[in-house]
C-alpha atoms as a PDB file:
ATOM      1  CA  MET A   1       0.000   0.000   0.000  1.00  0.00           C
ATOM      2  CA  SER A   2       1.272   3.490  -0.817  1.00  0.00           C
ATOM      3  CA  GLU A   3       1.926   6.155   1.762  1.00  0.00           C
ATOM      4  CA  GLN A   4      -1.236   7.353   3.475  1.00  0.00           C
ATOM      5  CA  ILE A   5      -2.698  10.743   2.657  1.00  0.00           C
ATOM      6  CA  MET A   6      -2.410  13.147   5.585  1.00  0.00           C
ATOM      7  CA  ILE A   7      -4.627  16.192   6.067  1.00  0.00           C
ATOM      8  CA  ASN A   8      -4.312  18.943   8.678  1.00  0.00           C
ATOM      9  CA  ALA A   9      -7.412  20.243  10.437  1.00  0.00           C
ATOM     10  CA  VAL A  10      -8.386  22.477  13.349  1.00  0.00           C
ATOM     11  CA  SER A  11     -11.280  21.778  15.707  1.00  0.00           C
ATOM     12  CA  ARG A  12     -14.205  24.180  15.841  1.00  0.00           C
ATOM     13  CA  SER A  13     -17.081  24.765  18.228  1.00  0.00           C
ATOM     14  CA  GLU A  14     -19.189  27.224  16.246  1.00  0.00           C
ATOM     15  CA  LEU A  15     -21.993  25.563  14.317  1.00  0.00           C
ATOM     16  CA  GLY A  16     -24.768  26.679  11.979  1.00  0.00           C
ATOM     17  CA  SER A  17     -25.155  27.613   8.332  1.00  0.00           C
ATOM     18  CA  ASN A  18     -24.091  31.231   8.828  1.00  0.00           C
ATOM     19  CA  ARG A  19     -20.908  30.159  10.535  1.00  0.00           C
ATOM     20  CA  ALA A  20     -20.254  27.618   7.765  1.00  0.00           C
ATOM     21  CA  ARG A  21     -20.458  30.391   5.162  1.00  0.00           C
ATOM     22  CA  ASN A  22     -17.929  32.435   7.137  1.00  0.00           C
ATOM     23  CA  ILE A  23     -15.631  29.423   7.345  1.00  0.00           C
ATOM     24  CA  ARG A  24     -15.766  28.954   3.570  1.00  0.00           C
ATOM     25  CA  SER A  25     -15.082  32.648   2.982  1.00  0.00           C
ATOM     26  CA  ASP A  26     -11.815  32.110   4.898  1.00  0.00           C
ATOM     27  CA  ASN A  27     -10.827  29.363   2.421  1.00  0.00           C
ATOM     28  CA  MET A  28     -11.603  26.606   4.885  1.00  0.00           C
ATOM     29  CA  VAL A  29     -13.957  23.638   4.509  1.00  0.00           C
ATOM     30  CA  PRO A  30     -16.171  22.552   7.434  1.00  0.00           C
ATOM     31  CA  ALA A  31     -16.057  18.812   8.128  1.00  0.00           C
ATOM     32  CA  VAL A  32     -17.061  16.250  10.744  1.00  0.00           C
ATOM     33  CA  ILE A  33     -15.289  13.165  12.085  1.00  0.00           C
ATOM     34  CA  TYR A  34     -17.396  10.476  13.738  1.00  0.00           C
ATOM     35  CA  GLY A  35     -17.664   6.779  14.515  1.00  0.00           C
ATOM     36  CA  ASN A  36     -15.701   4.044  16.249  1.00  0.00           C
ATOM     37  CA  GLU A  37     -17.670   4.670  19.456  1.00  0.00           C
ATOM     38  CA  LYS A  38     -16.042   8.058  19.952  1.00  0.00           C
ATOM     39  CA  GLU A  39     -17.470  11.561  20.156  1.00  0.00           C
ATOM     40  CA  LEU A  40     -18.227  13.400  16.937  1.00  0.00           C
ATOM     41  CA  ILE A  41     -15.915  16.332  16.372  1.00  0.00           C
ATOM     42  CA  ASN A  42     -16.294  19.306  14.044  1.00  0.00           C
ATOM     43  CA  VAL A  43     -13.219  20.524  12.222  1.00  0.00           C
ATOM     44  CA  ASN A  44     -12.105  22.990   9.578  1.00  0.00           C
ATOM     45  CA  ILE A  45      -9.764  21.886   6.796  1.00  0.00           C
ATOM     46  CA  PRO A  46      -7.818  24.282   4.537  1.00  0.00           C
ATOM     47  CA  LEU A  47      -9.541  24.378   1.139  1.00  0.00           C
ATOM     48  CA  ASN A  48      -6.314  24.073  -0.872  1.00  0.00           C
ATOM     49  CA  GLU A  49      -5.185  21.069   1.194  1.00  0.00           C
ATOM     50  CA  LEU A  50      -8.482  19.213   0.862  1.00  0.00           C
ATOM     51  CA  THR A  51      -8.686  20.045  -2.850  1.00  0.00           C
ATOM     52  CA  LYS A  52      -5.202  18.649  -3.463  1.00  0.00           C
ATOM     53  CA  ALA A  53      -5.988  15.481  -1.506  1.00  0.00           C
ATOM     54  CA  SER A  54      -9.229  14.948  -3.436  1.00  0.00           C
ATOM     55  CA  GLN A  55      -7.313  14.952  -6.721  1.00  0.00           C
ATOM     56  CA  ASN A  56      -5.682  11.692  -5.657  1.00  0.00           C
ATOM     57  CA  ASP A  57      -7.822   8.631  -6.492  1.00  0.00           C
ATOM     58  CA  LEU A  58      -6.711   6.993  -3.237  1.00  0.00           C
ATOM     59  CA  PHE A  59      -8.492   9.748  -1.308  1.00  0.00           C
ATOM     60  CA  PHE A  60     -11.789   8.003  -2.055  1.00  0.00           C
ATOM     61  CA  THR A  61     -10.756   4.420  -1.292  1.00  0.00           C
ATOM     62  CA  GLN A  62      -7.945   4.395   1.276  1.00  0.00           C
ATOM     63  CA  VAL A  63      -7.616   5.129   4.971  1.00  0.00           C
ATOM     64  CA  LEU A  64      -6.693   8.775   5.529  1.00  0.00           C
ATOM     65  CA  ILE A  65      -5.006  10.440   8.498  1.00  0.00           C
ATOM     66  CA  ILE A  66      -6.459  13.737   9.698  1.00  0.00           C
ATOM     67  CA  LYS A  67      -4.252  15.559  12.190  1.00  0.00           C
ATOM     68  CA  VAL A  68      -6.319  17.527  14.700  1.00  0.00           C
ATOM     69  CA  GLY A  69      -3.940  19.170  17.142  1.00  0.00           C
ATOM     70  CA  ASP A  70      -1.860  16.373  18.685  1.00  0.00           C
ATOM     71  CA  ASN A  71      -4.288  13.636  17.625  1.00  0.00           C
ATOM     72  CA  ASP A  72      -4.173  11.537  14.473  1.00  0.00           C
ATOM     73  CA  GLU A  73      -7.601  10.358  13.325  1.00  0.00           C
ATOM     74  CA  LYS A  74      -7.651   7.339  11.004  1.00  0.00           C
ATOM     75  CA  VAL A  75     -10.675   7.828   8.785  1.00  0.00           C
ATOM     76  CA  VAL A  76     -12.269   7.046   5.452  1.00  0.00           C
ATOM     77  CA  LEU A  77     -14.264   9.519   3.394  1.00  0.00           C
ATOM     78  CA  LYS A  78     -18.020   8.997   3.622  1.00  0.00           C
ATOM     79  CA  GLU A  79     -19.320  12.079   1.803  1.00  0.00           C
ATOM     80  CA  LEU A  80     -17.869  15.041  -0.048  1.00  0.00           C
ATOM     81  CA  GLN A  81     -20.169  17.906  -0.996  1.00  0.00           C
ATOM     82  CA  ARG A  82     -19.352  20.225  -3.871  1.00  0.00           C
ATOM     83  CA  GLU A  83     -20.816  23.404  -5.264  1.00  0.00           C
ATOM     84  CA  PRO A  84     -23.014  22.344  -8.226  1.00  0.00           C
ATOM     85  CA  MET A  85     -21.720  24.853 -10.762  1.00  0.00           C
ATOM     86  CA  LYS A  86     -18.040  25.434  -9.942  1.00  0.00           C
ATOM     87  CA  GLY A  87     -17.299  22.215  -8.051  1.00  0.00           C
ATOM     88  CA  LYS A  88     -15.831  24.014  -5.049  1.00  0.00           C
ATOM     89  CA  LEU A  89     -15.652  21.814  -1.937  1.00  0.00           C
ATOM     90  CA  LEU A  90     -18.320  22.701   0.636  1.00  0.00           C
ATOM     91  CA  HIS A  91     -18.341  20.003   3.309  1.00  0.00           C
ATOM     92  CA  ALA A  92     -16.843  16.608   4.123  1.00  0.00           C
ATOM     93  CA  ASP A  93     -17.850  13.688   6.356  1.00  0.00           C
ATOM     94  CA  PHE A  94     -15.196  11.275   7.629  1.00  0.00           C
ATOM     95  CA  MET A  95     -15.728   8.048   9.550  1.00  0.00           C
ATOM     96  CA  ARG A  96     -13.162   6.723  11.988  1.00  0.00           C
ATOM     97  CA  VAL A  97     -11.858   3.219  11.373  1.00  0.00           C
ATOM     98  CA  SER A  98      -9.940   0.590  13.295  1.00  0.00           C
ATOM     99  CA  ARG A  99      -8.390  -2.768  12.458  1.00  0.00           C
ATOM    100  CA  LYS A 100     -11.753  -4.402  13.048  1.00  0.00           C
ATOM    101  CA  THR A 101     -13.665  -2.040  10.763  1.00  0.00           C
ATOM    102  CA  MET A 102     -14.918  -3.756   7.612  1.00  0.00           C
ATOM    103  CA  LEU A 103     -15.576  -1.556   4.602  1.00  0.00           C
ATOM    104  CA  LYS A 104     -17.149  -1.919   1.182  1.00  0.00           C
ATOM    105  CA  VAL A 105     -14.873  -0.252  -1.344  1.00  0.00           C
ATOM    106  CA  THR A 106     -14.696  -0.246  -5.130  1.00  0.00           C
ATOM    107  CA  ILE A 107     -11.275  -1.307  -6.392  1.00  0.00           C
ATOM    108  CA  PRO A 108     -10.110  -1.056 -10.038  1.00  0.00           C
ATOM    109  CA  PHE A 109      -8.655  -4.001 -11.965  1.00  0.00           C
ATOM    110  CA  ASN A 110      -5.130  -3.818 -13.361  1.00  0.00           C
ATOM    111  CA  PHE A 111      -4.763  -6.154 -16.354  1.00  0.00           C
ATOM    112  CA  LEU A 112      -1.228  -7.548 -16.690  1.00  0.00           C
ATOM    113  CA  ASN A 113       0.664  -8.907 -19.730  1.00  0.00           C
ATOM    114  CA  GLU A 114      -1.862  -7.941 -22.382  1.00  0.00           C
ATOM    115  CA  ASP A 115       0.849  -7.778 -25.059  1.00  0.00           C
ATOM    116  CA  ASP A 116       2.249 -11.180 -24.032  1.00  0.00           C
ATOM    117  CA  CYS A 117      -1.113 -12.962 -23.897  1.00  0.00           C
ATOM    118  CA  VAL A 118      -0.820 -16.342 -25.645  1.00  0.00           C
ATOM    119  CA  GLY A 119      -4.208 -16.044 -27.311  1.00  0.00           C
ATOM    120  CA  VAL A 120      -3.240 -12.681 -28.772  1.00  0.00           C
ATOM    121  CA  LYS A 121       0.367 -13.344 -29.802  1.00  0.00           C
ATOM    122  CA  THR A 122       0.019 -16.836 -31.255  1.00  0.00           C
ATOM    123  CA  GLU A 123      -3.670 -17.141 -32.137  1.00  0.00           C
ATOM    124  CA  GLY A 124      -4.573 -13.638 -33.281  1.00  0.00           C
ATOM    125  CA  GLY A 125      -7.203 -13.112 -30.587  1.00  0.00           C
ATOM    126  CA  VAL A 126      -8.482  -9.877 -29.131  1.00  0.00           C
ATOM    127  CA  VAL A 127      -8.717  -9.068 -25.407  1.00  0.00           C
ATOM    128  CA  THR A 128     -12.223  -8.091 -24.309  1.00  0.00           C
ATOM    129  CA  LYS A 129     -12.646  -6.495 -20.871  1.00  0.00           C
ATOM    130  CA  THR A 130     -16.166  -6.662 -19.483  1.00  0.00           C
ATOM    131  CA  MET A 131     -15.427  -5.218 -16.016  1.00  0.00           C
ATOM    132  CA  ARG A 132     -13.153  -2.393 -14.929  1.00  0.00           C
ATOM    133  CA  ASP A 133     -13.580  -2.548 -11.152  1.00  0.00           C
ATOM    134  CA  ILE A 134     -15.289  -4.521  -8.391  1.00  0.00           C
ATOM    135  CA  GLU A 135     -16.782  -3.785  -4.981  1.00  0.00           C
ATOM    136  CA  ILE A 136     -15.146  -5.818  -2.223  1.00  0.00           C
ATOM    137  CA  LEU A 137     -15.552  -6.134   1.538  1.00  0.00           C
ATOM    138  CA  CYS A 138     -12.253  -5.808   3.371  1.00  0.00           C
ATOM    139  CA  SER A 139     -10.587  -4.629   6.546  1.00  0.00           C
ATOM    140  CA  ALA A 140      -9.913  -0.895   6.837  1.00  0.00           C
ATOM    141  CA  GLU A 141      -6.274  -1.735   7.496  1.00  0.00           C
ATOM    142  CA  ASN A 142      -5.937  -3.840   4.353  1.00  0.00           C
ATOM    143  CA  ILE A 143      -7.611  -1.992   1.481  1.00  0.00           C
ATOM    144  CA  PRO A 144      -5.911  -2.878  -1.818  1.00  0.00           C
ATOM    145  CA  GLU A 145      -5.185  -0.097  -4.287  1.00  0.00           C
ATOM    146  CA  ILE A 146      -5.770  -2.380  -7.275  1.00  0.00           C
ATOM    147  CA  ILE A 147      -6.634  -5.990  -8.037  1.00  0.00           C
ATOM    148  CA  GLU A 148      -4.187  -7.502 -10.514  1.00  0.00           C
ATOM    149  CA  VAL A 149      -5.496  -9.789 -13.251  1.00  0.00           C
ATOM    150  CA  ASP A 150      -2.760 -11.616 -15.180  1.00  0.00           C
ATOM    151  CA  ILE A 151      -3.931 -12.660 -18.646  1.00  0.00           C
ATOM    152  CA  ALA A 152      -0.594 -13.910 -20.014  1.00  0.00           C
ATOM    153  CA  GLU A 153      -1.671 -17.568 -20.135  1.00  0.00           C
ATOM    154  CA  LEU A 154      -5.119 -17.070 -21.665  1.00  0.00           C
ATOM    155  CA  ASN A 155      -5.633 -18.928 -24.925  1.00  0.00           C
ATOM    156  CA  LEU A 156      -8.172 -18.068 -27.591  1.00  0.00           C
ATOM    157  CA  GLY A 157     -11.616 -18.650 -26.084  1.00  0.00           C
ATOM    158  CA  ASP A 158     -10.369 -18.540 -22.464  1.00  0.00           C
ATOM    159  CA  SER A 159     -11.700 -16.134 -19.841  1.00  0.00           C
ATOM    160  CA  ILE A 160     -11.254 -15.072 -16.214  1.00  0.00           C
ATOM    161  CA  ARG A 161     -14.270 -14.763 -13.925  1.00  0.00           C
ATOM    162  CA  LEU A 162     -14.810 -13.246 -10.491  1.00  0.00           C
ATOM    163  CA  THR A 163     -14.523 -16.667  -8.873  1.00  0.00           C
ATOM    164  CA  ASP A 164     -11.029 -17.003 -10.386  1.00  0.00           C
ATOM    165  CA  LEU A 165      -9.647 -13.930  -8.583  1.00  0.00           C
ATOM    166  CA  SER A 166      -7.053 -14.057  -5.822  1.00  0.00           C
ATOM    167  CA  LEU A 167      -8.172 -11.368  -3.373  1.00  0.00           C
ATOM    168  CA  PRO A 168      -6.078  -9.972  -0.501  1.00  0.00           C
ATOM    169  CA  GLU A 169      -6.336 -11.915   2.747  1.00  0.00           C
ATOM    170  CA  GLY A 170      -9.519 -11.070   4.632  1.00  0.00           C
ATOM    171  CA  SER A 171     -11.231  -9.645   1.531  1.00  0.00           C
ATOM    172  CA  GLU A 172     -14.297 -10.977  -0.260  1.00  0.00           C
ATOM    173  CA  ILE A 173     -16.806 -10.039  -2.941  1.00  0.00           C
ATOM    174  CA  PRO A 174     -20.179  -9.612  -1.205  1.00  0.00           C
ATOM    175  CA  GLY A 175     -22.867 -11.950  -2.483  1.00  0.00           C
ATOM    176  CA  LEU A 176     -20.629 -13.793  -4.935  1.00  0.00           C
ATOM    177  CA  THR A 177     -22.007 -17.211  -5.842  1.00  0.00           C
ATOM    178  CA  GLU A 178     -21.981 -19.435  -8.913  1.00  0.00           C
ATOM    179  CA  GLU A 179     -25.235 -17.757  -9.957  1.00  0.00           C
ATOM    180  CA  THR A 180     -23.877 -14.205  -9.571  1.00  0.00           C
ATOM    181  CA  ASP A 181     -20.432 -14.958 -11.014  1.00  0.00           C
ATOM    182  CA  GLN A 182     -19.413 -12.675 -13.887  1.00  0.00           C
ATOM    183  CA  MET A 183     -16.780 -12.660 -16.596  1.00  0.00           C
ATOM    184  CA  ILE A 184     -14.017 -10.076 -16.158  1.00  0.00           C
ATOM    185  CA  VAL A 185     -11.912 -10.530 -19.277  1.00  0.00           C
ATOM    186  CA  SER A 186     -11.749 -12.921 -22.228  1.00  0.00           C
ATOM    187  CA  VAL A 187      -9.750 -13.559 -25.397  1.00  0.00           C
ATOM    188  CA  ASN A 188     -11.952 -13.812 -28.469  1.00  0.00           C
ATOM    189  CA  ALA A 189     -11.487 -14.241 -32.188  1.00  0.00           C
ATOM    190  CA  PRO A 190     -11.528 -10.896 -34.010  1.00  0.00           C
ATOM    191  CA  LYS A 191     -14.768 -10.061 -35.747  1.00  0.00           C
ATOM    192  CA  ALA A 192     -14.585 -10.779 -39.472  1.00  0.00           C
ATOM    193  CA  VAL A 193     -15.107  -7.787 -41.732  1.00  0.00           C
ATOM    194  CA  VAL A 194     -17.388  -8.773 -44.620  1.00  0.00           C
ATOM    195  CA  GLU A 195     -16.889  -6.623 -47.723  1.00  0.00           C
ATOM    196  CA  GLU A 196     -19.797  -6.569 -50.112  1.00  0.00           C
ATOM    197  CA  GLU A 197     -18.826  -7.066 -53.753  1.00  0.00           C
ATOM    198  CA  PRO A 198     -20.297  -4.552 -56.188  1.00  0.00           C
ATOM    199  CA  LEU A 199     -23.248  -5.952 -58.142  1.00  0.00           C
ATOM    200  CA  GLU A 200     -22.603  -6.503 -61.860  1.00  0.00           C
ATOM    201  CA  ASP A 201     -24.812  -4.596 -64.293  1.00  0.00           C
ATOM    202  CA  GLU A 202     -27.705  -6.769 -65.249  1.00  0.00           C
ATOM    203  CA  VAL A 203     -27.908  -7.464 -68.976  1.00  0.00           C
ATOM    204  CA  LEU A 204     -31.390  -7.377 -70.358  1.00  0.00           C
ATOM    205  CA  GLU A 205     -32.388 -10.415 -72.433  1.00  0.00           C
ATOM    206  CA  GLY A 206     -32.382  -9.413 -76.029  1.00  0.00           C
ATOM    207  CA  ASP A 207     -29.530  -6.912 -75.733  1.00  0.00           C
ATOM    208  CA  GLU A 208     -27.073  -9.735 -76.315  1.00  0.00           C
ATOM    209  CA  ASP A 209     -28.530 -10.400 -79.810  1.00  0.00           C
ATOM    210  CA  GLY A 210     -28.750  -6.777 -80.671  1.00  0.00           C
ATOM    211  CA  ASP A 211     -32.543  -6.890 -80.827  1.00  0.00           C
ATOM    212  CA  GLU A 212     -34.456  -3.881 -79.684  1.00  0.00           C
ATOM    213  CA  VAL A 213     -36.627  -4.497 -76.669  1.00  0.00           C
ATOM    214  CA  THR A 214     -39.620  -2.239 -76.191  1.00  0.00           C
ATOM    215  CA  ASP A 215     -42.198  -1.996 -73.474  1.00  0.00           C
ATOM    216  CA  GLY A 216     -45.843  -2.539 -74.316  1.00  0.00           C
ATOM    217  CA  ALA A 217     -47.331  -4.562 -77.252  1.00  0.00           C
ATOM    218  CA  SER A 218     -45.722  -7.800 -78.470  1.00  0.00           C
ATOM    219  CA  ASP A 219     -44.991  -8.778 -82.129  1.00  0.00           C
ATOM    220  CA  GLU A 220     -48.209 -10.795 -82.172  1.00  0.00           C
ATOM    221  CA  GLY A 221     -50.155  -7.650 -81.226  1.00  0.00           C
ATOM    222  CA  SER A 222     -48.528  -5.781 -84.104  1.00  0.00           C
ATOM    223  CA  GLU A 223     -49.663  -8.374 -86.687  1.00  0.00           C
ATOM    224  CA  GLU A 224     -53.266  -8.120 -85.422  1.00  0.00           C
ATOM    225  CA  SER A 225     -53.164  -4.356 -85.897  1.00  0.00           C
ATOM    226  CA  GLU A 226     -51.993  -4.707 -89.501  1.00  0.00           C
ATOM    227  CA  GLU A 227     -54.807  -7.155 -90.286  1.00  0.00           C
ATOM    228  CA  LYS A 228     -57.415  -4.703 -88.935  1.00  0.00           C
ATOM    229  CA  GLU A 229     -56.034  -1.918 -91.061  1.00  0.00           C
ATOM    230  CA  GLU A 230     -56.264  -4.084 -94.217  1.00  0.00           C
ATOM    231  CA  ALA A 231     -59.874  -5.052 -93.391  1.00  0.00           C
ATOM    232  CA  THR A 232     -60.800  -1.422 -93.016  1.00  0.00           C
ATOM    233  CA  GLU A 233     -59.420  -0.537 -96.375  1.00  0.00           C
END
């Protein structure tokens, strides 16, 4: 696990919406820390410090340390409120954690050895990823940053499913059964591109012999017309 994100904060006693507006005007963000059978505390966090921390993806999935005076609070982010239009941070909720705390977190997959995959290199297959991340239940002290999925040995037609994963010790996928199992990645044959051949110009029957083909009356109809004309005369 990478180095934990640390955030400085100062405790506050003033509450209320008016006070919160004043806090924000001083480039601070009001926040609360609660849980783990301890008293809720209200704090202010420098806006630039919280903004920088929130730009790190680990801010949303890992255990954070908030320094309040001489105390270090181990927490995870529970809610982060932003201004709708500009996205400015308005408020944050943090929950204390301990070694016994179990959390549901969404962890991204990291697919390894795509270029060296047997089904791609030797059989001309194409890697198809059907999932990019997964929600797991794990200890607050053992939250993985990523879940590695090695596809080097996949042949054409092979796949890896959720039940094939090796999760960190103490972690599990909630509700995973044979019925809820899902495919994560597979190696498939490339889709064939069918090119339509241009249609040849149809040759009308009669053109081959040089005869003129006309629409309407047939030759037999023409002979009948000539006979009528002779009878009239």
